[in-house]
Structure formats: structure tokens, C-alpha cells
Amino acid sequence: MIVLSLSITHEAADWYKKEFDIDDQSYLRFFVRYGFGGQIPGFSLGVGYDVPDNMFASSNVNGIMFFIENKDAWYFDGKDLTIQLDDTTREPKFIYS
């Protein structure tokens, strides 16, 4: 079963706006890549500019369309993703629930 709710706090969205130097009406895609620190060993999430092709989940916050493509849905099997700004590091924190 693949269910996903993608939620991004306003503070996290503002962080992405600043770090990526983007304005409203931009698209940022979360994608699966090889790496550490993700919910599945050996994989993690990357983020980059992209235009939606076959969206699996999305969330429009502060003028930015954050999205995940269908081809990456397997990574979230049965989990929701919330992205918030970590109080200590002042960087995005990924919470899978």
C-alpha cells in the first residue's frame, strides 16, 4: 500500500526559497538517490529544480510547488512525509510517519 501526504512548514519553505534563491511559482522536486540518512538504508532524498511530469504527491507552500514523482513513490510506501525546520541546525528535517 502506497499512501503519502506531503507537508512542508512555512519556515521550511522559506528556507528552500533562500537556499535555492527562488521566487514564487517555482517547482522543487524531492527524488530518491543513493546516499545515507534516509528512511531506507542506502537511499536518501535529494531536492532540485524540475517540472512535474507524473506527480505522485505535492504541496504548494509560500508560492513553491514541492512535489514527488510517481517513479519515487516506492520510497514512501505506507508513510507520510513532513518537512520542518530543525530548531538546532536551522535546516530542513524530514519526518516519516
PDB file of N, CA and C in Angstrom:
ATOM      1  N   MET A   1       0.840  -1.178   0.000  1.00  0.00           N
ATOM      2  CA  MET A   1       0.000   0.000   0.000  1.00  0.00           C
ATOM      3  C   MET A   1       0.889   1.246   0.000  1.00  0.00           C
ATOM      4  N   ILE A   2       0.672   2.143  -0.938  1.00  0.00           N
ATOM      5  CA  ILE A   2       1.464   3.367  -1.034  1.00  0.00           C
ATOM      6  C   ILE A   2       0.550   4.556  -0.762  1.00  0.00           C
ATOM      7  N   VAL A   3       0.765   5.187   0.372  1.00  0.00           N
ATOM      8  CA  VAL A   3       0.000   6.364   0.747  1.00  0.00           C
ATOM      9  C   VAL A   3       0.992   7.443   1.129  1.00  0.00           C
ATOM     10  N   LEU A   4       0.765   8.655   0.686  1.00  0.00           N
ATOM     11  CA  LEU A   4       1.681   9.723   1.058  1.00  0.00           C
ATOM     12  C   LEU A   4       0.962  11.049   1.168  1.00  0.00           C
ATOM     13  N   SER A   5       1.189  11.673   2.289  1.00  0.00           N
ATOM     14  CA  SER A   5       0.796  13.056   2.478  1.00  0.00           C
ATOM     15  C   SER A   5       2.109  13.830   2.573  1.00  0.00           C
ATOM     16  N   LEU A   6       2.286  14.810   1.731  1.00  0.00           N
ATOM     17  CA  LEU A   6       3.490  15.629   1.728  1.00  0.00           C
ATOM     18  C   LEU A   6       3.154  16.966   2.369  1.00  0.00           C
ATOM     19  N   SER A   7       3.802  17.267   3.498  1.00  0.00           N
ATOM     20  CA  SER A   7       3.555  18.514   4.221  1.00  0.00           C
ATOM     21  C   SER A   7       4.871  19.237   4.452  1.00  0.00           C
ATOM     22  N   ILE A   8       4.878  20.531   4.176  1.00  0.00           N
ATOM     23  CA  ILE A   8       6.065  21.365   4.381  1.00  0.00           C
ATOM     24  C   ILE A   8       5.633  22.576   5.192  1.00  0.00           C
ATOM     25  N   THR A   9       6.350  22.858   6.267  1.00  0.00           N
ATOM     26  CA  THR A   9       6.002  24.029   7.064  1.00  0.00           C
ATOM     27  C   THR A   9       6.414  25.299   6.319  1.00  0.00           C
ATOM     28  N   HIS A  10       5.809  26.406   6.685  1.00  0.00           N
ATOM     29  CA  HIS A  10       6.144  27.686   6.059  1.00  0.00           C
ATOM     30  C   HIS A  10       7.606  28.045   6.305  1.00  0.00           C
ATOM     31  N   GLU A  11       8.117  27.729   7.475  1.00  0.00           N
ATOM     32  CA  GLU A  11       9.519  28.023   7.793  1.00  0.00           C
ATOM     33  C   GLU A  11      10.468  27.219   6.905  1.00  0.00           C
ATOM     34  N   ALA A  12      10.143  25.951   6.675  1.00  0.00           N
ATOM     35  CA  ALA A  12      10.967  25.118   5.805  1.00  0.00           C
ATOM     36  C   ALA A  12      10.890  25.611   4.362  1.00  0.00           C
ATOM     37  N   ALA A  13       9.701  25.986   3.916  1.00  0.00           N
ATOM     38  CA  ALA A  13       9.549  26.509   2.552  1.00  0.00           C
ATOM     39  C   ALA A  13      10.368  27.783   2.375  1.00  0.00           C
ATOM     40  N   ASP A  14      10.364  28.652   3.369  1.00  0.00           N
ATOM     41  CA  ASP A  14      11.185  29.875   3.304  1.00  0.00           C
ATOM     42  C   ASP A  14      12.667  29.548   3.235  1.00  0.00           C
ATOM     43  N   TRP A  15      13.098  28.506   3.947  1.00  0.00           N
ATOM     44  CA  TRP A  15      14.500  28.082   3.907  1.00  0.00           C
ATOM     45  C   TRP A  15      14.871  27.667   2.482  1.00  0.00           C
ATOM     46  N   TYR A  16      14.016  26.874   1.836  1.00  0.00           N
ATOM     47  CA  TYR A  16      14.278  26.449   0.457  1.00  0.00           C
ATOM     48  C   TYR A  16      14.309  27.646  -0.491  1.00  0.00           C
ATOM     49  N   LYS A  17      13.416  28.599  -0.293  1.00  0.00           N
ATOM     50  CA  LYS A  17      13.402  29.803  -1.128  1.00  0.00           C
ATOM     51  C   LYS A  17      14.739  30.531  -1.043  1.00  0.00           C
ATOM     52  N   LYS A  18      15.242  30.675   0.164  1.00  0.00           N
ATOM     53  CA  LYS A  18      16.504  31.390   0.380  1.00  0.00           C
ATOM     54  C   LYS A  18      17.692  30.594  -0.165  1.00  0.00           C
ATOM     55  N   GLU A  19      17.764  29.313   0.173  1.00  0.00           N
ATOM     56  CA  GLU A  19      18.902  28.477  -0.232  1.00  0.00           C
ATOM     57  C   GLU A  19      18.983  28.278  -1.742  1.00  0.00           C
ATOM     58  N   PHE A  20      17.829  28.146  -2.386  1.00  0.00           N
ATOM     59  CA  PHE A  20      17.800  27.930  -3.832  1.00  0.00           C
ATOM     60  C   PHE A  20      17.650  29.240  -4.605  1.00  0.00           C
ATOM     61  N   ASP A  21      17.525  30.341  -3.860  1.00  0.00           N
ATOM     62  CA  ASP A  21      17.384  31.671  -4.462  1.00  0.00           C
ATOM     63  C   ASP A  21      16.279  31.669  -5.516  1.00  0.00           C
ATOM     64  N   ILE A  22      15.077  31.285  -5.073  1.00  0.00           N
ATOM     65  CA  ILE A  22      13.946  31.191  -5.986  1.00  0.00           C
ATOM     66  C   ILE A  22      12.818  32.115  -5.537  1.00  0.00           C
ATOM     67  N   ASP A  23      11.962  32.419  -6.474  1.00  0.00           N
ATOM     68  CA  ASP A  23      10.783  33.230  -6.215  1.00  0.00           C
ATOM     69  C   ASP A  23       9.547  32.348  -6.233  1.00  0.00           C
ATOM     70  N   ASP A  24       8.411  32.999  -6.057  1.00  0.00           N
ATOM     71  CA  ASP A  24       7.145  32.273  -6.156  1.00  0.00           C
ATOM     72  C   ASP A  24       7.010  31.665  -7.550  1.00  0.00           C
ATOM     73  N   GLN A  25       6.130  30.703  -7.653  1.00  0.00           N
ATOM     74  CA  GLN A  25       5.849  29.998  -8.906  1.00  0.00           C
ATOM     75  C   GLN A  25       7.002  29.099  -9.348  1.00  0.00           C
ATOM     76  N   SER A  26       7.774  28.598  -8.402  1.00  0.00           N
ATOM     77  CA  SER A  26       8.870  27.673  -8.701  1.00  0.00           C
ATOM     78  C   SER A  26       8.449  26.248  -8.334  1.00  0.00           C
ATOM     79  N   TYR A  27       9.153  25.288  -8.903  1.00  0.00           N
ATOM     80  CA  TYR A  27       8.918  23.877  -8.627  1.00  0.00           C
ATOM     81  C   TYR A  27      10.184  23.272  -8.027  1.00  0.00           C
ATOM     82  N   LEU A  28      10.032  22.546  -6.928  1.00  0.00           N
ATOM     83  CA  LEU A  28      11.140  21.791  -6.347  1.00  0.00           C
ATOM     84  C   LEU A  28      10.691  20.347  -6.177  1.00  0.00           C
ATOM     85  N   ARG A  29      11.504  19.457  -6.695  1.00  0.00           N
ATOM     86  CA  ARG A  29      11.177  18.030  -6.660  1.00  0.00           C
ATOM     87  C   ARG A  29      12.042  17.324  -5.635  1.00  0.00           C
ATOM     88  N   PHE A  30      11.417  16.473  -4.824  1.00  0.00           N
ATOM     89  CA  PHE A  30      12.135  15.569  -3.941  1.00  0.00           C
ATOM     90  C   PHE A  30      12.252  14.246  -4.687  1.00  0.00           C
ATOM     91  N   PHE A  31      13.472  13.705  -4.765  1.00  0.00           N
ATOM     92  CA  PHE A  31      13.700  12.475  -5.516  1.00  0.00           C
ATOM     93  C   PHE A  31      14.595  11.534  -4.723  1.00  0.00           C
ATOM     94  N   VAL A  32      14.464  10.256  -5.003  1.00  0.00           N
ATOM     95  CA  VAL A  32      15.250   9.227  -4.330  1.00  0.00           C
ATOM     96  C   VAL A  32      16.620   9.138  -4.986  1.00  0.00           C
ATOM     97  N   ARG A  33      17.647   9.039  -4.147  1.00  0.00           N
ATOM     98  CA  ARG A  33      19.023   8.895  -4.635  1.00  0.00           C
ATOM     99  C   ARG A  33      19.780   7.961  -3.702  1.00  0.00           C
ATOM    100  N   TYR A  34      20.912   7.468  -4.194  1.00  0.00           N
ATOM    101  CA  TYR A  34      21.781   6.682  -3.333  1.00  0.00           C
ATOM    102  C   TYR A  34      22.412   7.620  -2.324  1.00  0.00           C
ATOM    103  N   GLY A  35      22.448   7.200  -1.069  1.00  0.00           N
ATOM    104  CA  GLY A  35      23.048   8.030  -0.040  1.00  0.00           C
ATOM    105  C   GLY A  35      22.615   7.569   1.336  1.00  0.00           C
ATOM    106  N   PHE A  36      23.077   8.294   2.335  1.00  0.00           N
ATOM    107  CA  PHE A  36      22.811   7.917   3.723  1.00  0.00           C
ATOM    108  C   PHE A  36      21.862   8.914   4.366  1.00  0.00           C
ATOM    109  N   GLY A  37      21.230   8.487   5.448  1.00  0.00           N
ATOM    110  CA  GLY A  37      20.390   9.384   6.211  1.00  0.00           C
ATOM    111  C   GLY A  37      18.912   9.318   5.874  1.00  0.00           C
ATOM    112  N   GLY A  38      18.542   8.436   4.986  1.00  0.00           N
ATOM    113  CA  GLY A  38      17.138   8.327   4.620  1.00  0.00           C
ATOM    114  C   GLY A  38      16.425   7.286   5.445  1.00  0.00           C
ATOM    115  N   GLN A  39      15.171   7.070   5.130  1.00  0.00           N
ATOM    116  CA  GLN A  39      14.384   6.091   5.880  1.00  0.00           C
ATOM    117  C   GLN A  39      14.678   4.657   5.449  1.00  0.00           C
ATOM    118  N   ILE A  40      15.295   4.474   4.276  1.00  0.00           N
ATOM    119  CA  ILE A  40      15.696   3.148   3.801  1.00  0.00           C
ATOM    120  C   ILE A  40      17.218   3.159   3.673  1.00  0.00           C
ATOM    121  N   PRO A  41      17.914   2.228   4.346  1.00  0.00           N
ATOM    122  CA  PRO A  41      19.382   2.225   4.274  1.00  0.00           C
ATOM    123  C   PRO A  41      19.888   2.204   2.830  1.00  0.00           C
ATOM    124  N   GLY A  42      20.847   3.088   2.561  1.00  0.00           N
ATOM    125  CA  GLY A  42      21.442   3.171   1.232  1.00  0.00           C
ATOM    126  C   GLY A  42      20.781   4.193   0.320  1.00  0.00           C
ATOM    127  N   PHE A  43      19.684   4.784   0.774  1.00  0.00           N
ATOM    128  CA  PHE A  43      18.965   5.773  -0.024  1.00  0.00           C
ATOM    129  C   PHE A  43      18.676   7.015   0.821  1.00  0.00           C
ATOM    130  N   SER A  44      18.520   8.124   0.154  1.00  0.00           N
ATOM    131  CA  SER A  44      18.115   9.363   0.817  1.00  0.00           C
ATOM    132  C   SER A  44      17.338  10.205  -0.184  1.00  0.00           C
ATOM    133  N   LEU A  45      16.856  11.348   0.264  1.00  0.00           N
ATOM    134  CA  LEU A  45      16.123  12.246  -0.624  1.00  0.00           C
ATOM    135  C   LEU A  45      17.032  13.358  -1.116  1.00  0.00           C
ATOM    136  N   GLY A  46      16.941  13.634  -2.395  1.00  0.00           N
ATOM    137  CA  GLY A  46      17.587  14.796  -2.977  1.00  0.00           C
ATOM    138  C   GLY A  46      16.506  15.801  -3.312  1.00  0.00           C
ATOM    139  N   VAL A  47      16.912  17.018  -3.616  1.00  0.00           N
ATOM    140  CA  VAL A  47      15.951  18.050  -3.997  1.00  0.00           C
ATOM    141  C   VAL A  47      16.553  18.884  -5.117  1.00  0.00           C
ATOM    142  N   GLY A  48      15.743  19.268  -6.070  1.00  0.00           N
ATOM    143  CA  GLY A  48      16.240  20.075  -7.174  1.00  0.00           C
ATOM    144  C   GLY A  48      15.108  20.676  -7.981  1.00  0.00           C
ATOM    145  N   TYR A  49      15.481  21.615  -8.837  1.00  0.00           N
ATOM    146  CA  TYR A  49      14.507  22.227  -9.747  1.00  0.00           C
ATOM    147  C   TYR A  49      14.040  21.170 -10.734  1.00  0.00           C
ATOM    148  N   ASP A  50      12.771  21.168 -11.034  1.00  0.00           N
ATOM    149  CA  ASP A  50      12.244  20.255 -12.041  1.00  0.00           C
ATOM    150  C   ASP A  50      10.830  20.693 -12.368  1.00  0.00           C
ATOM    151  N   VAL A  51      10.309  20.213 -13.465  1.00  0.00           N
ATOM    152  CA  VAL A  51       8.926  20.467 -13.855  1.00  0.00           C
ATOM    153  C   VAL A  51       8.182  19.146 -13.700  1.00  0.00           C
ATOM    154  N   PRO A  52       7.025  19.163 -13.056  1.00  0.00           N
ATOM    155  CA  PRO A  52       6.282  17.917 -12.845  1.00  0.00           C
ATOM    156  C   PRO A  52       5.952  17.214 -14.152  1.00  0.00           C
ATOM    157  N   ASP A  53       6.099  15.898 -14.130  1.00  0.00           N
ATOM    158  CA  ASP A  53       5.757  15.072 -15.283  1.00  0.00           C
ATOM    159  C   ASP A  53       4.612  14.142 -14.916  1.00  0.00           C
ATOM    160  N   ASN A  54       4.785  13.417 -13.808  1.00  0.00           N
ATOM    161  CA  ASN A  54       3.789  12.455 -13.357  1.00  0.00           C
ATOM    162  C   ASN A  54       3.783  12.484 -11.822  1.00  0.00           C
ATOM    163  N   MET A  55       3.159  13.524 -11.271  1.00  0.00           N
ATOM    164  CA  MET A  55       3.207  13.750  -9.827  1.00  0.00           C
ATOM    165  C   MET A  55       2.486  12.673  -9.033  1.00  0.00           C
ATOM    166  N   PHE A  56       3.150  12.258  -7.978  1.00  0.00           N
ATOM    167  CA  PHE A  56       2.576  11.319  -7.024  1.00  0.00           C
ATOM    168  C   PHE A  56       1.972  12.086  -5.843  1.00  0.00           C
ATOM    169  N   ALA A  57       2.701  13.096  -5.375  1.00  0.00           N
ATOM    170  CA  ALA A  57       2.232  13.922  -4.258  1.00  0.00           C
ATOM    171  C   ALA A  57       2.801  15.321  -4.427  1.00  0.00           C
ATOM    172  N   SER A  58       2.078  16.294  -3.886  1.00  0.00           N
ATOM    173  CA  SER A  58       2.559  17.674  -3.989  1.00  0.00           C
ATOM    174  C   SER A  58       2.017  18.506  -2.846  1.00  0.00           C
ATOM    175  N   SER A  59       2.666  19.636  -2.633  1.00  0.00           N
ATOM    176  CA  SER A  59       2.234  20.588  -1.626  1.00  0.00           C
ATOM    177  C   SER A  59       2.707  21.966  -2.062  1.00  0.00           C
ATOM    178  N   ASN A  60       1.784  22.905  -2.174  1.00  0.00           N
ATOM    179  CA  ASN A  60       2.129  24.266  -2.569  1.00  0.00           C
ATOM    180  C   ASN A  60       2.199  25.118  -1.312  1.00  0.00           C
ATOM    181  N   VAL A  61       3.406  25.580  -0.979  1.00  0.00           N
ATOM    182  CA  VAL A  61       3.619  26.361   0.238  1.00  0.00           C
ATOM    183  C   VAL A  61       4.444  27.590  -0.103  1.00  0.00           C
ATOM    184  N   ASN A  62       3.967  28.732   0.324  1.00  0.00           N
ATOM    185  CA  ASN A  62       4.667  30.007   0.107  1.00  0.00           C
ATOM    186  C   ASN A  62       5.025  30.227  -1.362  1.00  0.00           C
ATOM    187  N   GLY A  63       4.160  29.773  -2.257  1.00  0.00           N
ATOM    188  CA  GLY A  63       4.373  30.001  -3.679  1.00  0.00           C
ATOM    189  C   GLY A  63       5.257  28.987  -4.372  1.00  0.00           C
ATOM    190  N   ILE A  64       5.733  27.986  -3.646  1.00  0.00           N
ATOM    191  CA  ILE A  64       6.580  26.945  -4.238  1.00  0.00           C
ATOM    192  C   ILE A  64       5.780  25.649  -4.307  1.00  0.00           C
ATOM    193  N   MET A  65       5.828  24.992  -5.459  1.00  0.00           N
ATOM    194  CA  MET A  65       5.212  23.682  -5.603  1.00  0.00           C
ATOM    195  C   MET A  65       6.278  22.632  -5.320  1.00  0.00           C
ATOM    196  N   PHE A  66       6.183  21.991  -4.160  1.00  0.00           N
ATOM    197  CA  PHE A  66       7.052  20.874  -3.801  1.00  0.00           C
ATOM    198  C   PHE A  66       6.347  19.620  -4.287  1.00  0.00           C
ATOM    199  N   PHE A  67       7.107  18.694  -4.892  1.00  0.00           N
ATOM    200  CA  PHE A  67       6.435  17.505  -5.405  1.00  0.00           C
ATOM    201  C   PHE A  67       7.354  16.293  -5.438  1.00  0.00           C
ATOM    202  N   ILE A  68       6.702  15.144  -5.554  1.00  0.00           N
ATOM    203  CA  ILE A  68       7.365  13.845  -5.686  1.00  0.00           C
ATOM    204  C   ILE A  68       6.751  13.171  -6.892  1.00  0.00           C
ATOM    205  N   GLU A  69       7.591  12.619  -7.743  1.00  0.00           N
ATOM    206  CA  GLU A  69       7.109  11.935  -8.947  1.00  0.00           C
ATOM    207  C   GLU A  69       6.675  10.503  -8.615  1.00  0.00           C
ATOM    208  N   ASN A  70       5.815   9.968  -9.446  1.00  0.00           N
ATOM    209  CA  ASN A  70       5.320   8.603  -9.296  1.00  0.00           C
ATOM    210  C   ASN A  70       6.445   7.571  -9.222  1.00  0.00           C
ATOM    211  N   LYS A  71       7.504   7.774  -9.996  1.00  0.00           N
ATOM    212  CA  LYS A  71       8.590   6.790 -10.026  1.00  0.00           C
ATOM    213  C   LYS A  71       9.341   6.691  -8.697  1.00  0.00           C
ATOM    214  N   ASP A  72       9.162   7.656  -7.801  1.00  0.00           N
ATOM    215  CA  ASP A  72       9.808   7.620  -6.491  1.00  0.00           C
ATOM    216  C   ASP A  72       8.848   7.230  -5.373  1.00  0.00           C
ATOM    217  N   ALA A  73       7.609   6.870  -5.717  1.00  0.00           N
ATOM    218  CA  ALA A  73       6.584   6.548  -4.720  1.00  0.00           C
ATOM    219  C   ALA A  73       6.980   5.355  -3.851  1.00  0.00           C
ATOM    220  N   TRP A  74       7.719   4.402  -4.387  1.00  0.00           N
ATOM    221  CA  TRP A  74       8.095   3.196  -3.643  1.00  0.00           C
ATOM    222  C   TRP A  74       8.823   3.536  -2.337  1.00  0.00           C
ATOM    223  N   TYR A  75       9.581   4.609  -2.342  1.00  0.00           N
ATOM    224  CA  TYR A  75      10.382   5.004  -1.178  1.00  0.00           C
ATOM    225  C   TYR A  75       9.508   5.373   0.023  1.00  0.00           C
ATOM    226  N   PHE A  76       8.284   5.804  -0.216  1.00  0.00           N
ATOM    227  CA  PHE A  76       7.401   6.297   0.831  1.00  0.00           C
ATOM    228  C   PHE A  76       6.324   5.296   1.213  1.00  0.00           C
ATOM    229  N   ASP A  77       6.456   4.065   0.783  1.00  0.00           N
ATOM    230  CA  ASP A  77       5.427   3.050   0.962  1.00  0.00           C
ATOM    231  C   ASP A  77       4.843   3.063   2.377  1.00  0.00           C
ATOM    232  N   GLY A  78       3.596   3.496   2.472  1.00  0.00           N
ATOM    233  CA  GLY A  78       2.901   3.486   3.748  1.00  0.00           C
ATOM    234  C   GLY A  78       3.253   4.616   4.693  1.00  0.00           C
ATOM    235  N   LYS A  79       4.026   5.594   4.255  1.00  0.00           N
ATOM    236  CA  LYS A  79       4.465   6.669   5.136  1.00  0.00           C
ATOM    237  C   LYS A  79       4.086   8.040   4.572  1.00  0.00           C
ATOM    238  N   ASP A  80       3.880   8.979   5.478  1.00  0.00           N
ATOM    239  CA  ASP A  80       3.699  10.377   5.121  1.00  0.00           C
ATOM    240  C   ASP A  80       5.018  11.086   5.360  1.00  0.00           C
ATOM    241  N   LEU A  81       5.236  12.207   4.685  1.00  0.00           N
ATOM    242  CA  LEU A  81       6.455  12.983   4.859  1.00  0.00           C
ATOM    243  C   LEU A  81       6.101  14.399   5.275  1.00  0.00           C
ATOM    244  N   THR A  82       6.681  14.817   6.394  1.00  0.00           N
ATOM    245  CA  THR A  82       6.573  16.190   6.857  1.00  0.00           C
ATOM    246  C   THR A  82       7.974  16.776   6.880  1.00  0.00           C
ATOM    247  N   ILE A  83       8.115  17.968   6.322  1.00  0.00           N
ATOM    248  CA  ILE A  83       9.407  18.650   6.319  1.00  0.00           C
ATOM    249  C   ILE A  83       9.240  19.926   7.134  1.00  0.00           C
ATOM    250  N   GLN A  84      10.058  20.019   8.166  1.00  0.00           N
ATOM    251  CA  GLN A  84      10.018  21.203   9.014  1.00  0.00           C
ATOM    252  C   GLN A  84      11.441  21.682   9.259  1.00  0.00           C
ATOM    253  N   LEU A  85      11.574  22.889   9.750  1.00  0.00           N
ATOM    254  CA  LEU A  85      12.894  23.442  10.034  1.00  0.00           C
ATOM    255  C   LEU A  85      13.327  22.980  11.418  1.00  0.00           C
ATOM    256  N   ASP A  86      14.509  22.373  11.489  1.00  0.00           N
ATOM    257  CA  ASP A  86      15.058  21.909  12.755  1.00  0.00           C
ATOM    258  C   ASP A  86      15.476  23.113  13.599  1.00  0.00           C
ATOM    259  N   ASP A  87      15.044  23.156  14.842  1.00  0.00           N
ATOM    260  CA  ASP A  87      15.354  24.286  15.725  1.00  0.00           C
ATOM    261  C   ASP A  87      16.841  24.436  16.007  1.00  0.00           C
ATOM    262  N   THR A  88      17.580  23.342  16.050  1.00  0.00           N
ATOM    263  CA  THR A  88      19.003  23.384  16.373  1.00  0.00           C
ATOM    264  C   THR A  88      19.867  23.699  15.162  1.00  0.00           C
ATOM    265  N   THR A  89      19.683  22.953  14.078  1.00  0.00           N
ATOM    266  CA  THR A  89      20.543  23.117  12.892  1.00  0.00           C
ATOM    267  C   THR A  89      20.071  24.223  11.957  1.00  0.00           C
ATOM    268  N   ARG A  90      18.793  24.615  12.109  1.00  0.00           N
ATOM    269  CA  ARG A  90      18.177  25.610  11.222  1.00  0.00           C
ATOM    270  C   ARG A  90      18.199  25.142   9.759  1.00  0.00           C
ATOM    271  N   GLU A  91      18.038  23.832   9.571  1.00  0.00           N
ATOM    272  CA  GLU A  91      17.961  23.212   8.252  1.00  0.00           C
ATOM    273  C   GLU A  91      16.741  22.292   8.222  1.00  0.00           C
ATOM    274  N   PRO A  92      16.282  21.922   7.027  1.00  0.00           N
ATOM    275  CA  PRO A  92      15.108  21.056   6.934  1.00  0.00           C
ATOM    276  C   PRO A  92      15.333  19.708   7.616  1.00  0.00           C
ATOM    277  N   LYS A  93      14.283  19.249   8.239  1.00  0.00           N
ATOM    278  CA  LYS A  93      14.266  17.947   8.911  1.00  0.00           C
ATOM    279  C   LYS A  93      13.133  17.131   8.300  1.00  0.00           C
ATOM    280  N   PHE A  94      13.433  15.915   7.883  1.00  0.00           N
ATOM    281  CA  PHE A  94      12.453  15.030   7.248  1.00  0.00           C
ATOM    282  C   PHE A  94      11.878  14.082   8.292  1.00  0.00           C
ATOM    283  N   ILE A  95      10.567  14.103   8.424  1.00  0.00           N
ATOM    284  CA  ILE A  95       9.891  13.250   9.401  1.00  0.00           C
ATOM    285  C   ILE A  95       8.951  12.319   8.638  1.00  0.00           C
ATOM    286  N   TYR A  96       9.203  11.014   8.775  1.00  0.00           N
ATOM    287  CA  TYR A  96       8.369   9.994   8.124  1.00  0.00           C
ATOM    288  C   TYR A  96       7.432   9.399   9.179  1.00  0.00           C
ATOM    289  N   SER A  97       6.143   9.351   8.889  1.00  0.00           N
ATOM    290  CA  SER A  97       5.211   8.796   9.869  1.00  0.00           C
ATOM    291  C   SER A  97       4.134   7.973   9.188  1.00  0.00           C
TER     292      SER A  97
END
